[in-house]
Amino acid sequence: MRTSSNPVFKNLPRQEGVGGYANFGSGVAGAGQLGKQPYPPQQYGEYGQQYGQQFQQAPATRAMTIDDVVTKTGITLAVLTVTAIISFALSSANPGLAPLFVIGGGLIGLVLVLVASFGNKMDNPAIVLSYAAFEGLFLGALSLMFTDVTFGGVGGSALIGQAVLGTFGVFFGMLVVYKTGAIRVTPRFTRMLLGAMVGVLVLMVGNLIASFFTDGGFGLRDGGPLAIVFSLVCIAIAAFSFLLDFDAADQLIRAQAPSKAAWGVALGLTVTLVWLYVEILRLLSYFQRD
């Protein structure tokens, strides 16, 4: 398995010698019974050792299928959507709550992702759904701040709808790209994408620090031509990240990981979806200002 650009997938099991191209979704319903070689712990690293021991102790454990991935991801996104709507409504009624929801929801969501990623708790539904709830608070308030004139925003609810459609359009588009094998997930592709992500992160942090001393920082988020190009680059990187995430999920299904591992897949996909939505919303807001 290639190492995913999504930090949530960094500790997922590795499987050598499996192509994994254009196969996401090949785990059909009913394929959850254990095979003759159930998830050998020595082959899949630390994460695999954890689950391999559980498989040996409880041989009746059902393996993960694509239905598990779809169901868990759907539940996670439903929680995020409901809390985002609530956050948007509360912030609309009381604009003073918006900054609190953005800062509080964003920070707590980040902490939960770090706990899940580095604490090997990607399959913990409580952490995944808590992340969805707090990230929903963040997204709902942030969407209001981008689109409401009270905060200098433009576009209104129509802009949010466009960003949502754009986000899921990119998601399903990259799923088609993965299933058709139009772009192969190779080690070189992974290294290039990881390098791009590190570069973007450094620029974001540098721009934030520079903004404390100079109005607009490096100009990466001020709505100018450079900001538009930077947002397009971020959108492209987030889109290509889906390929690695699909590949990670595909490999888990092939490796007959326990069904609860689907919560980790749901978390990873949600993290990427949130990043993509924010970047698309930001880009659309630039054009509205023009």
C-alpha atoms as a PDB file:
ATOM      1  CA  MET A   1       0.000   0.000   0.000  1.00  0.00           C
ATOM      2  CA  ARG A   2       1.174   3.480  -0.781  1.00  0.00           C
ATOM      3  CA  THR A   3       1.385   5.877   2.147  1.00  0.00           C
ATOM      4  CA  SER A   4      -1.625   8.174   2.000  1.00  0.00           C
ATOM      5  CA  SER A   5      -1.241  11.939   1.972  1.00  0.00           C
ATOM      6  CA  ASN A   6      -4.041  12.003   4.498  1.00  0.00           C
ATOM      7  CA  PRO A   7      -2.515  11.835   7.995  1.00  0.00           C
ATOM      8  CA  VAL A   8      -5.407   9.722   9.209  1.00  0.00           C
ATOM      9  CA  PHE A   9      -4.297   6.910   6.913  1.00  0.00           C
ATOM     10  CA  LYS A  10      -0.592   7.001   7.777  1.00  0.00           C
ATOM     11  CA  ASN A  11      -0.840   4.129  10.275  1.00  0.00           C
ATOM     12  CA  LEU A  12      -3.069   1.876   8.214  1.00  0.00           C
ATOM     13  CA  PRO A  13      -1.699  -1.580   7.395  1.00  0.00           C
ATOM     14  CA  ARG A  14       0.645  -2.037   4.481  1.00  0.00           C
ATOM     15  CA  GLN A  15       0.235  -4.793   1.954  1.00  0.00           C
ATOM     16  CA  GLU A  16       3.030  -5.622  -0.430  1.00  0.00           C
ATOM     17  CA  GLY A  17       2.534  -6.857  -3.929  1.00  0.00           C
ATOM     18  CA  VAL A  18      -1.064  -5.793  -4.425  1.00  0.00           C
ATOM     19  CA  GLY A  19      -1.869  -3.462  -7.291  1.00  0.00           C
ATOM     20  CA  GLY A  20      -4.918  -1.764  -5.881  1.00  0.00           C
ATOM     21  CA  TYR A  21      -5.602   0.305  -8.993  1.00  0.00           C
ATOM     22  CA  ALA A  22      -9.204   0.931 -10.020  1.00  0.00           C
ATOM     23  CA  ASN A  23     -10.480  -1.578  -7.453  1.00  0.00           C
ATOM     24  CA  PHE A  24     -12.042   0.596  -4.765  1.00  0.00           C
ATOM     25  CA  GLY A  25     -15.492  -0.792  -4.199  1.00  0.00           C
ATOM     26  CA  SER A  26     -14.619  -4.335  -5.217  1.00  0.00           C
ATOM     27  CA  GLY A  27     -15.492  -5.667  -1.762  1.00  0.00           C
ATOM     28  CA  VAL A  28     -19.060  -6.823  -2.246  1.00  0.00           C
ATOM     29  CA  ALA A  29     -21.738  -7.465   0.348  1.00  0.00           C
ATOM     30  CA  GLY A  30     -21.303 -10.911   1.819  1.00  0.00           C
ATOM     31  CA  ALA A  31     -17.545 -10.822   1.456  1.00  0.00           C
ATOM     32  CA  GLY A  32     -17.173 -10.140   5.143  1.00  0.00           C
ATOM     33  CA  GLN A  33     -16.518 -13.737   6.178  1.00  0.00           C
ATOM     34  CA  LEU A  34     -12.932 -14.489   7.041  1.00  0.00           C
ATOM     35  CA  GLY A  35     -10.765 -16.043   4.386  1.00  0.00           C
ATOM     36  CA  LYS A  36      -8.082 -18.648   4.793  1.00  0.00           C
ATOM     37  CA  GLN A  37      -5.440 -16.012   5.533  1.00  0.00           C
ATOM     38  CA  PRO A  38      -7.136 -13.463   7.803  1.00  0.00           C
ATOM     39  CA  TYR A  39      -5.110 -10.296   8.150  1.00  0.00           C
ATOM     40  CA  PRO A  40      -1.726 -11.752   9.258  1.00  0.00           C
ATOM     41  CA  PRO A  41      -0.294  -9.335  11.850  1.00  0.00           C
ATOM     42  CA  GLN A  42       3.334  -9.716  10.778  1.00  0.00           C
ATOM     43  CA  GLN A  43       2.501  -8.405   7.304  1.00  0.00           C
ATOM     44  CA  TYR A  44       0.635  -5.205   8.110  1.00  0.00           C
ATOM     45  CA  GLY A  45       2.746  -3.307  10.613  1.00  0.00           C
ATOM     46  CA  GLU A  46       1.693  -1.964  13.996  1.00  0.00           C
ATOM     47  CA  TYR A  47      -1.927  -1.406  12.984  1.00  0.00           C
ATOM     48  CA  GLY A  48      -2.055  -4.891  11.528  1.00  0.00           C
ATOM     49  CA  GLN A  49      -0.590  -6.411  14.688  1.00  0.00           C
ATOM     50  CA  GLN A  50      -3.349  -4.814  16.734  1.00  0.00           C
ATOM     51  CA  TYR A  51      -6.073  -6.222  14.512  1.00  0.00           C
ATOM     52  CA  GLY A  52      -4.285  -9.477  13.791  1.00  0.00           C
ATOM     53  CA  GLN A  53      -4.349 -10.341  17.479  1.00  0.00           C
ATOM     54  CA  GLN A  54      -8.070  -9.572  17.636  1.00  0.00           C
ATOM     55  CA  PHE A  55      -8.690 -11.806  14.627  1.00  0.00           C
ATOM     56  CA  GLN A  56      -6.857 -14.676  16.293  1.00  0.00           C
ATOM     57  CA  GLN A  57      -8.746 -14.207  19.543  1.00  0.00           C
ATOM     58  CA  ALA A  58     -12.160 -13.709  17.909  1.00  0.00           C
ATOM     59  CA  PRO A  59     -12.243 -15.632  14.611  1.00  0.00           C
ATOM     60  CA  ALA A  60     -15.901 -14.712  14.040  1.00  0.00           C
ATOM     61  CA  THR A  61     -15.039 -11.036  13.539  1.00  0.00           C
ATOM     62  CA  ARG A  62     -16.511  -9.799  10.274  1.00  0.00           C
ATOM     63  CA  ALA A  63     -14.137  -8.308   7.723  1.00  0.00           C
ATOM     64  CA  MET A  64     -14.654  -4.849   6.243  1.00  0.00           C
ATOM     65  CA  THR A  65     -16.569  -4.418   2.994  1.00  0.00           C
ATOM     66  CA  ILE A  66     -17.356  -1.467   0.761  1.00  0.00           C
ATOM     67  CA  ASP A  67     -20.814  -1.349   2.363  1.00  0.00           C
ATOM     68  CA  ASP A  68     -19.143  -0.623   5.701  1.00  0.00           C
ATOM     69  CA  VAL A  69     -17.140   2.218   4.159  1.00  0.00           C
ATOM     70  CA  VAL A  70     -20.209   3.768   2.535  1.00  0.00           C
ATOM     71  CA  THR A  71     -22.341   3.409   5.657  1.00  0.00           C
ATOM     72  CA  LYS A  72     -19.780   4.788   8.114  1.00  0.00           C
ATOM     73  CA  THR A  73     -18.843   7.649   5.800  1.00  0.00           C
ATOM     74  CA  GLY A  74     -22.516   8.476   5.315  1.00  0.00           C
ATOM     75  CA  ILE A  75     -23.126   8.559   9.066  1.00  0.00           C
ATOM     76  CA  THR A  76     -20.070  10.754   9.630  1.00  0.00           C
ATOM     77  CA  LEU A  77     -21.088  13.219   6.925  1.00  0.00           C
ATOM     78  CA  ALA A  78     -24.674  13.270   8.230  1.00  0.00           C
ATOM     79  CA  VAL A  79     -23.473  14.290  11.691  1.00  0.00           C
ATOM     80  CA  LEU A  80     -21.221  16.937  10.168  1.00  0.00           C
ATOM     81  CA  THR A  81     -24.051  18.296   8.002  1.00  0.00           C
ATOM     82  CA  VAL A  82     -26.568  18.527  10.843  1.00  0.00           C
ATOM     83  CA  THR A  83     -24.159  20.321  13.170  1.00  0.00           C
ATOM     84  CA  ALA A  84     -23.077  22.630  10.323  1.00  0.00           C
ATOM     85  CA  ILE A  85     -26.701  23.638   9.726  1.00  0.00           C
ATOM     86  CA  ILE A  86     -27.203  24.246  13.449  1.00  0.00           C
ATOM     87  CA  SER A  87     -23.984  26.255  13.639  1.00  0.00           C
ATOM     88  CA  PHE A  88     -24.988  28.335  10.619  1.00  0.00           C
ATOM     89  CA  ALA A  89     -28.432  29.044  12.099  1.00  0.00           C
ATOM     90  CA  LEU A  90     -27.085  29.983  15.530  1.00  0.00           C
ATOM     91  CA  SER A  91     -24.393  32.182  14.012  1.00  0.00           C
ATOM     92  CA  SER A  92     -26.949  33.902  11.799  1.00  0.00           C
ATOM     93  CA  ALA A  93     -29.111  34.702  14.825  1.00  0.00           C
ATOM     94  CA  ASN A  94     -26.119  35.744  16.934  1.00  0.00           C
ATOM     95  CA  PRO A  95     -23.090  36.727  14.782  1.00  0.00           C
ATOM     96  CA  GLY A  96     -20.898  36.883  17.868  1.00  0.00           C
ATOM     97  CA  LEU A  97     -20.992  33.086  18.049  1.00  0.00           C
ATOM     98  CA  ALA A  98     -19.425  32.610  14.625  1.00  0.00           C
ATOM     99  CA  PRO A  99     -15.796  33.334  15.600  1.00  0.00           C
ATOM    100  CA  LEU A 100     -16.182  31.119  18.674  1.00  0.00           C
ATOM    101  CA  PHE A 101     -17.498  28.222  16.601  1.00  0.00           C
ATOM    102  CA  VAL A 102     -14.763  28.654  13.993  1.00  0.00           C
ATOM    103  CA  ILE A 103     -11.925  28.769  16.505  1.00  0.00           C
ATOM    104  CA  GLY A 104     -13.323  26.260  18.988  1.00  0.00           C
ATOM    105  CA  GLY A 105     -14.671  23.778  16.451  1.00  0.00           C
ATOM    106  CA  GLY A 106     -11.557  23.989  14.303  1.00  0.00           C
ATOM    107  CA  LEU A 107      -9.097  23.498  17.152  1.00  0.00           C
ATOM    108  CA  ILE A 108     -11.012  20.658  18.810  1.00  0.00           C
ATOM    109  CA  GLY A 109     -11.489  18.964  15.446  1.00  0.00           C
ATOM    110  CA  LEU A 110      -7.744  19.208  14.799  1.00  0.00           C
ATOM    111  CA  VAL A 111      -6.954  17.718  18.206  1.00  0.00           C
ATOM    112  CA  LEU A 112      -9.349  14.816  17.591  1.00  0.00           C
ATOM    113  CA  VAL A 113      -7.731  14.076  14.223  1.00  0.00           C
ATOM    114  CA  LEU A 114      -4.284  14.084  15.829  1.00  0.00           C
ATOM    115  CA  VAL A 115      -5.497  11.767  18.596  1.00  0.00           C
ATOM    116  CA  ALA A 116      -7.026   9.414  16.045  1.00  0.00           C
ATOM    117  CA  SER A 117      -3.980   9.492  13.767  1.00  0.00           C
ATOM    118  CA  PHE A 118      -1.143   9.161  16.257  1.00  0.00           C
ATOM    119  CA  GLY A 119      -3.032   7.300  18.977  1.00  0.00           C
ATOM    120  CA  ASN A 120      -4.114   4.471  16.650  1.00  0.00           C
ATOM    121  CA  LYS A 121      -7.768   5.253  17.345  1.00  0.00           C
ATOM    122  CA  MET A 122      -8.912   5.719  13.748  1.00  0.00           C
ATOM    123  CA  ASP A 123     -11.546   3.021  14.234  1.00  0.00           C
ATOM    124  CA  ASN A 124     -13.094   4.622  17.323  1.00  0.00           C
ATOM    125  CA  PRO A 125     -16.619   5.755  16.351  1.00  0.00           C
ATOM    126  CA  ALA A 126     -16.843   8.151  19.322  1.00  0.00           C
ATOM    127  CA  ILE A 127     -13.756  10.052  18.136  1.00  0.00           C
ATOM    128  CA  VAL A 128     -14.864  10.016  14.493  1.00  0.00           C
ATOM    129  CA  LEU A 129     -18.366  11.286  15.232  1.00  0.00           C
ATOM    130  CA  SER A 130     -17.069  13.844  17.738  1.00  0.00           C
ATOM    131  CA  TYR A 131     -14.744  15.145  15.044  1.00  0.00           C
ATOM    132  CA  ALA A 132     -17.691  15.376  12.651  1.00  0.00           C
ATOM    133  CA  ALA A 133     -19.745  17.320  15.199  1.00  0.00           C
ATOM    134  CA  PHE A 134     -17.037  19.872  16.014  1.00  0.00           C
ATOM    135  CA  GLU A 135     -16.012  20.203  12.388  1.00  0.00           C
ATOM    136  CA  GLY A 136     -19.655  20.856  11.596  1.00  0.00           C
ATOM    137  CA  LEU A 137     -19.648  23.750  14.052  1.00  0.00           C
ATOM    138  CA  PHE A 138     -16.516  25.040  12.340  1.00  0.00           C
ATOM    139  CA  LEU A 139     -17.860  24.716   8.795  1.00  0.00           C
ATOM    140  CA  GLY A 140     -21.274  26.193   9.524  1.00  0.00           C
ATOM    141  CA  ALA A 141     -19.850  29.317  11.133  1.00  0.00           C
ATOM    142  CA  LEU A 142     -17.054  29.646   8.580  1.00  0.00           C
ATOM    143  CA  SER A 143     -19.557  29.392   5.729  1.00  0.00           C
ATOM    144  CA  LEU A 144     -21.533  32.238   7.266  1.00  0.00           C
ATOM    145  CA  MET A 145     -18.427  34.382   7.636  1.00  0.00           C
ATOM    146  CA  PHE A 146     -17.509  33.835   3.986  1.00  0.00           C
ATOM    147  CA  THR A 147     -20.972  34.692   2.682  1.00  0.00           C
ATOM    148  CA  ASP A 148     -22.602  37.161   5.084  1.00  0.00           C
ATOM    149  CA  VAL A 149     -22.097  40.907   4.686  1.00  0.00           C
ATOM    150  CA  THR A 150     -21.818  41.230   8.471  1.00  0.00           C
ATOM    151  CA  PHE A 151     -18.359  39.688   8.196  1.00  0.00           C
ATOM    152  CA  GLY A 152     -17.519  41.236   4.850  1.00  0.00           C
ATOM    153  CA  GLY A 153     -18.636  38.132   3.004  1.00  0.00           C
ATOM    154  CA  VAL A 154     -20.497  37.948  -0.291  1.00  0.00           C
ATOM    155  CA  GLY A 155     -22.628  35.525  -2.267  1.00  0.00           C
ATOM    156  CA  GLY A 156     -25.047  34.373   0.424  1.00  0.00           C
ATOM    157  CA  SER A 157     -26.447  30.831   0.616  1.00  0.00           C
ATOM    158  CA  ALA A 158     -26.096  30.341  -3.135  1.00  0.00           C
ATOM    159  CA  LEU A 159     -22.322  30.437  -2.750  1.00  0.00           C
ATOM    160  CA  ILE A 160     -22.478  27.703  -0.117  1.00  0.00           C
ATOM    161  CA  GLY A 161     -24.592  25.538  -2.396  1.00  0.00           C
ATOM    162  CA  GLN A 162     -22.098  25.997  -5.216  1.00  0.00           C
ATOM    163  CA  ALA A 163     -19.223  25.032  -2.921  1.00  0.00           C
ATOM    164  CA  VAL A 164     -21.045  21.891  -1.752  1.00  0.00           C
ATOM    165  CA  LEU A 165     -21.829  20.837  -5.318  1.00  0.00           C
ATOM    166  CA  GLY A 166     -18.259  21.540  -6.367  1.00  0.00           C
ATOM    167  CA  THR A 167     -16.872  19.498  -3.469  1.00  0.00           C
ATOM    168  CA  PHE A 168     -18.912  16.391  -4.187  1.00  0.00           C
ATOM    169  CA  GLY A 169     -18.402  16.852  -7.909  1.00  0.00           C
ATOM    170  CA  VAL A 170     -14.644  16.665  -7.395  1.00  0.00           C
ATOM    171  CA  PHE A 171     -15.053  13.709  -5.019  1.00  0.00           C
ATOM    172  CA  PHE A 172     -17.063  11.596  -7.446  1.00  0.00           C
ATOM    173  CA  GLY A 173     -14.889  12.710 -10.340  1.00  0.00           C
ATOM    174  CA  MET A 174     -11.757  11.441  -8.588  1.00  0.00           C
ATOM    175  CA  LEU A 175     -13.569   8.212  -7.682  1.00  0.00           C
ATOM    176  CA  VAL A 176     -14.188   7.650 -11.396  1.00  0.00           C
ATOM    177  CA  VAL A 177     -10.550   8.463 -12.127  1.00  0.00           C
ATOM    178  CA  TYR A 178      -9.439   5.893  -9.553  1.00  0.00           C
ATOM    179  CA  LYS A 179     -11.825   3.152 -10.679  1.00  0.00           C
ATOM    180  CA  THR A 180     -10.865   3.553 -14.330  1.00  0.00           C
ATOM    181  CA  GLY A 181      -7.160   3.631 -13.517  1.00  0.00           C
ATOM    182  CA  ALA A 182      -6.698   6.864 -15.457  1.00  0.00           C
ATOM    183  CA  ILE A 183      -4.131   7.915 -12.847  1.00  0.00           C
ATOM    184  CA  ARG A 184      -2.142   5.176 -11.173  1.00  0.00           C
ATOM    185  CA  VAL A 185      -1.273   5.476  -7.505  1.00  0.00           C
ATOM    186  CA  THR A 186       2.447   4.757  -7.585  1.00  0.00           C
ATOM    187  CA  PRO A 187       5.180   5.426  -5.005  1.00  0.00           C
ATOM    188  CA  ARG A 188       6.456   8.296  -7.156  1.00  0.00           C
ATOM    189  CA  PHE A 189       2.986   9.816  -7.351  1.00  0.00           C
ATOM    190  CA  THR A 190       2.676   9.539  -3.571  1.00  0.00           C
ATOM    191  CA  ARG A 191       6.045  11.198  -2.941  1.00  0.00           C
ATOM    192  CA  MET A 192       5.210  14.065  -5.259  1.00  0.00           C
ATOM    193  CA  LEU A 193       1.845  14.633  -3.616  1.00  0.00           C
ATOM    194  CA  LEU A 194       3.293  14.502  -0.115  1.00  0.00           C
ATOM    195  CA  GLY A 195       5.967  17.008  -1.135  1.00  0.00           C
ATOM    196  CA  ALA A 196       3.292  19.314  -2.544  1.00  0.00           C
ATOM    197  CA  MET A 197       1.284  19.070   0.669  1.00  0.00           C
ATOM    198  CA  VAL A 198       4.294  19.928   2.798  1.00  0.00           C
ATOM    199  CA  GLY A 199       5.065  22.892   0.563  1.00  0.00           C
ATOM    200  CA  VAL A 200       1.487  24.181   0.769  1.00  0.00           C
ATOM    201  CA  LEU A 201       1.473  23.774   4.553  1.00  0.00           C
ATOM    202  CA  VAL A 202       4.725  25.723   4.890  1.00  0.00           C
ATOM    203  CA  LEU A 203       3.317  28.511   2.728  1.00  0.00           C
ATOM    204  CA  MET A 204       0.111  28.643   4.771  1.00  0.00           C
ATOM    205  CA  VAL A 205       1.988  28.899   8.044  1.00  0.00           C
ATOM    206  CA  GLY A 206       4.404  31.446   6.596  1.00  0.00           C
ATOM    207  CA  ASN A 207       1.539  33.555   5.253  1.00  0.00           C
ATOM    208  CA  LEU A 208      -0.199  33.447   8.628  1.00  0.00           C
ATOM    209  CA  ILE A 209       2.927  34.574  10.463  1.00  0.00           C
ATOM    210  CA  ALA A 210       3.609  37.297   7.886  1.00  0.00           C
ATOM    211  CA  SER A 211       0.048  38.587   8.257  1.00  0.00           C
ATOM    212  CA  PHE A 212       0.841  39.525  11.869  1.00  0.00           C
ATOM    213  CA  PHE A 213       3.400  42.020  10.598  1.00  0.00           C
ATOM    214  CA  THR A 214       2.148  42.956   7.124  1.00  0.00           C
ATOM    215  CA  ASP A 215      -1.417  43.441   5.965  1.00  0.00           C
ATOM    216  CA  GLY A 216      -2.329  40.399   3.884  1.00  0.00           C
ATOM    217  CA  GLY A 217       0.916  38.578   4.570  1.00  0.00           C
ATOM    218  CA  PHE A 218       2.348  37.161   1.355  1.00  0.00           C
ATOM    219  CA  GLY A 219      -0.937  37.766  -0.464  1.00  0.00           C
ATOM    220  CA  LEU A 220      -1.947  34.094  -0.483  1.00  0.00           C
ATOM    221  CA  ARG A 221      -5.373  34.753   1.048  1.00  0.00           C
ATOM    222  CA  ASP A 222      -6.226  38.325   0.084  1.00  0.00           C
ATOM    223  CA  GLY A 223      -8.337  37.513  -2.963  1.00  0.00           C
ATOM    224  CA  GLY A 224      -5.800  38.748  -5.524  1.00  0.00           C
ATOM    225  CA  PRO A 225      -4.395  36.823  -8.501  1.00  0.00           C
ATOM    226  CA  LEU A 226      -1.786  35.074  -6.354  1.00  0.00           C
ATOM    227  CA  ALA A 227      -4.478  34.025  -3.859  1.00  0.00           C
ATOM    228  CA  ILE A 228      -6.599  32.580  -6.689  1.00  0.00           C
ATOM    229  CA  VAL A 229      -3.664  30.553  -8.000  1.00  0.00           C
ATOM    230  CA  PHE A 230      -2.833  29.321  -4.500  1.00  0.00           C
ATOM    231  CA  SER A 231      -6.431  28.192  -3.891  1.00  0.00           C
ATOM    232  CA  LEU A 232      -6.462  26.354  -7.221  1.00  0.00           C
ATOM    233  CA  VAL A 233      -3.265  24.555  -6.223  1.00  0.00           C
ATOM    234  CA  CYS A 234      -4.782  23.582  -2.858  1.00  0.00           C
ATOM    235  CA  ILE A 235      -7.928  22.302  -4.569  1.00  0.00           C
ATOM    236  CA  ALA A 236      -5.850  20.214  -6.973  1.00  0.00           C
ATOM    237  CA  ILE A 237      -3.794  18.692  -4.150  1.00  0.00           C
ATOM    238  CA  ALA A 238      -6.919  17.892  -2.118  1.00  0.00           C
ATOM    239  CA  ALA A 239      -8.515  16.300  -5.178  1.00  0.00           C
ATOM    240  CA  PHE A 240      -5.512  14.070  -5.897  1.00  0.00           C
ATOM    241  CA  SER A 241      -5.379  13.126  -2.217  1.00  0.00           C
ATOM    242  CA  PHE A 242      -8.651  11.261  -2.735  1.00  0.00           C
ATOM    243  CA  LEU A 243      -6.809   8.799  -4.973  1.00  0.00           C
ATOM    244  CA  LEU A 244      -4.507   7.822  -2.127  1.00  0.00           C
ATOM    245  CA  ASP A 245      -7.417   7.642   0.286  1.00  0.00           C
ATOM    246  CA  PHE A 246      -9.373   5.357  -2.066  1.00  0.00           C
ATOM    247  CA  ASP A 247      -6.288   3.205  -2.436  1.00  0.00           C
ATOM    248  CA  ALA A 248      -5.888   2.913   1.332  1.00  0.00           C
ATOM    249  CA  ALA A 249      -9.528   1.851   1.696  1.00  0.00           C
ATOM    250  CA  ASP A 250      -9.155  -0.625  -1.167  1.00  0.00           C
ATOM    251  CA  GLN A 251      -6.161  -2.249   0.484  1.00  0.00           C
ATOM    252  CA  LEU A 252      -7.983  -2.587   3.810  1.00  0.00           C
ATOM    253  CA  ILE A 253     -10.826  -4.407   2.080  1.00  0.00           C
ATOM    254  CA  ARG A 254      -8.371  -6.692   0.310  1.00  0.00           C
ATOM    255  CA  ALA A 255      -6.557  -7.370   3.589  1.00  0.00           C
ATOM    256  CA  GLN A 256      -9.870  -8.298   5.293  1.00  0.00           C
ATOM    257  CA  ALA A 257      -9.426  -5.683   7.989  1.00  0.00           C
ATOM    258  CA  PRO A 258     -12.118  -5.742  10.707  1.00  0.00           C
ATOM    259  CA  SER A 259     -15.345  -3.981   9.811  1.00  0.00           C
ATOM    260  CA  LYS A 260     -14.746  -1.278  12.440  1.00  0.00           C
ATOM    261  CA  ALA A 261     -11.709  -0.113  10.435  1.00  0.00           C
ATOM    262  CA  ALA A 262     -14.251   1.530   8.119  1.00  0.00           C
ATOM    263  CA  TRP A 263     -14.573   4.302  10.720  1.00  0.00           C
ATOM    264  CA  GLY A 264     -10.961   5.244  10.010  1.00  0.00           C
ATOM    265  CA  VAL A 265     -11.669   5.368   6.297  1.00  0.00           C
ATOM    266  CA  ALA A 266     -14.700   7.558   6.973  1.00  0.00           C
ATOM    267  CA  LEU A 267     -12.599   9.914   9.076  1.00  0.00           C
ATOM    268  CA  GLY A 268      -9.879  10.185   6.453  1.00  0.00           C
ATOM    269  CA  LEU A 269     -12.302  10.900   3.628  1.00  0.00           C
ATOM    270  CA  THR A 270     -14.145  13.475   5.742  1.00  0.00           C
ATOM    271  CA  VAL A 271     -10.913  15.312   6.541  1.00  0.00           C
ATOM    272  CA  THR A 272     -10.150  15.629   2.837  1.00  0.00           C
ATOM    273  CA  LEU A 273     -13.724  16.654   2.002  1.00  0.00           C
ATOM    274  CA  VAL A 274     -13.638  19.405   4.621  1.00  0.00           C
ATOM    275  CA  TRP A 275     -10.358  20.795   3.295  1.00  0.00           C
ATOM    276  CA  LEU A 276     -11.633  20.686  -0.274  1.00  0.00           C
ATOM    277  CA  TYR A 277     -14.922  22.418   0.634  1.00  0.00           C
ATOM    278  CA  VAL A 278     -13.150  25.241   2.460  1.00  0.00           C
ATOM    279  CA  GLU A 279     -10.796  25.859  -0.451  1.00  0.00           C
ATOM    280  CA  ILE A 280     -13.600  25.834  -3.028  1.00  0.00           C
ATOM    281  CA  LEU A 281     -15.722  28.164  -0.885  1.00  0.00           C
ATOM    282  CA  ARG A 282     -12.761  30.509  -0.475  1.00  0.00           C
ATOM    283  CA  LEU A 283     -12.061  30.516  -4.212  1.00  0.00           C
ATOM    284  CA  LEU A 284     -15.699  31.228  -5.093  1.00  0.00           C
ATOM    285  CA  SER A 285     -15.763  34.095  -2.612  1.00  0.00           C
ATOM    286  CA  TYR A 286     -12.799  35.680  -4.412  1.00  0.00           C
ATOM    287  CA  PHE A 287     -14.723  35.807  -7.676  1.00  0.00           C
ATOM    288  CA  GLN A 288     -17.798  37.224  -5.931  1.00  0.00           C
ATOM    289  CA  ARG A 289     -15.720  40.125  -4.618  1.00  0.00           C
ATOM    290  CA  ASP A 290     -14.573  40.884  -8.142  1.00  0.00           C
END
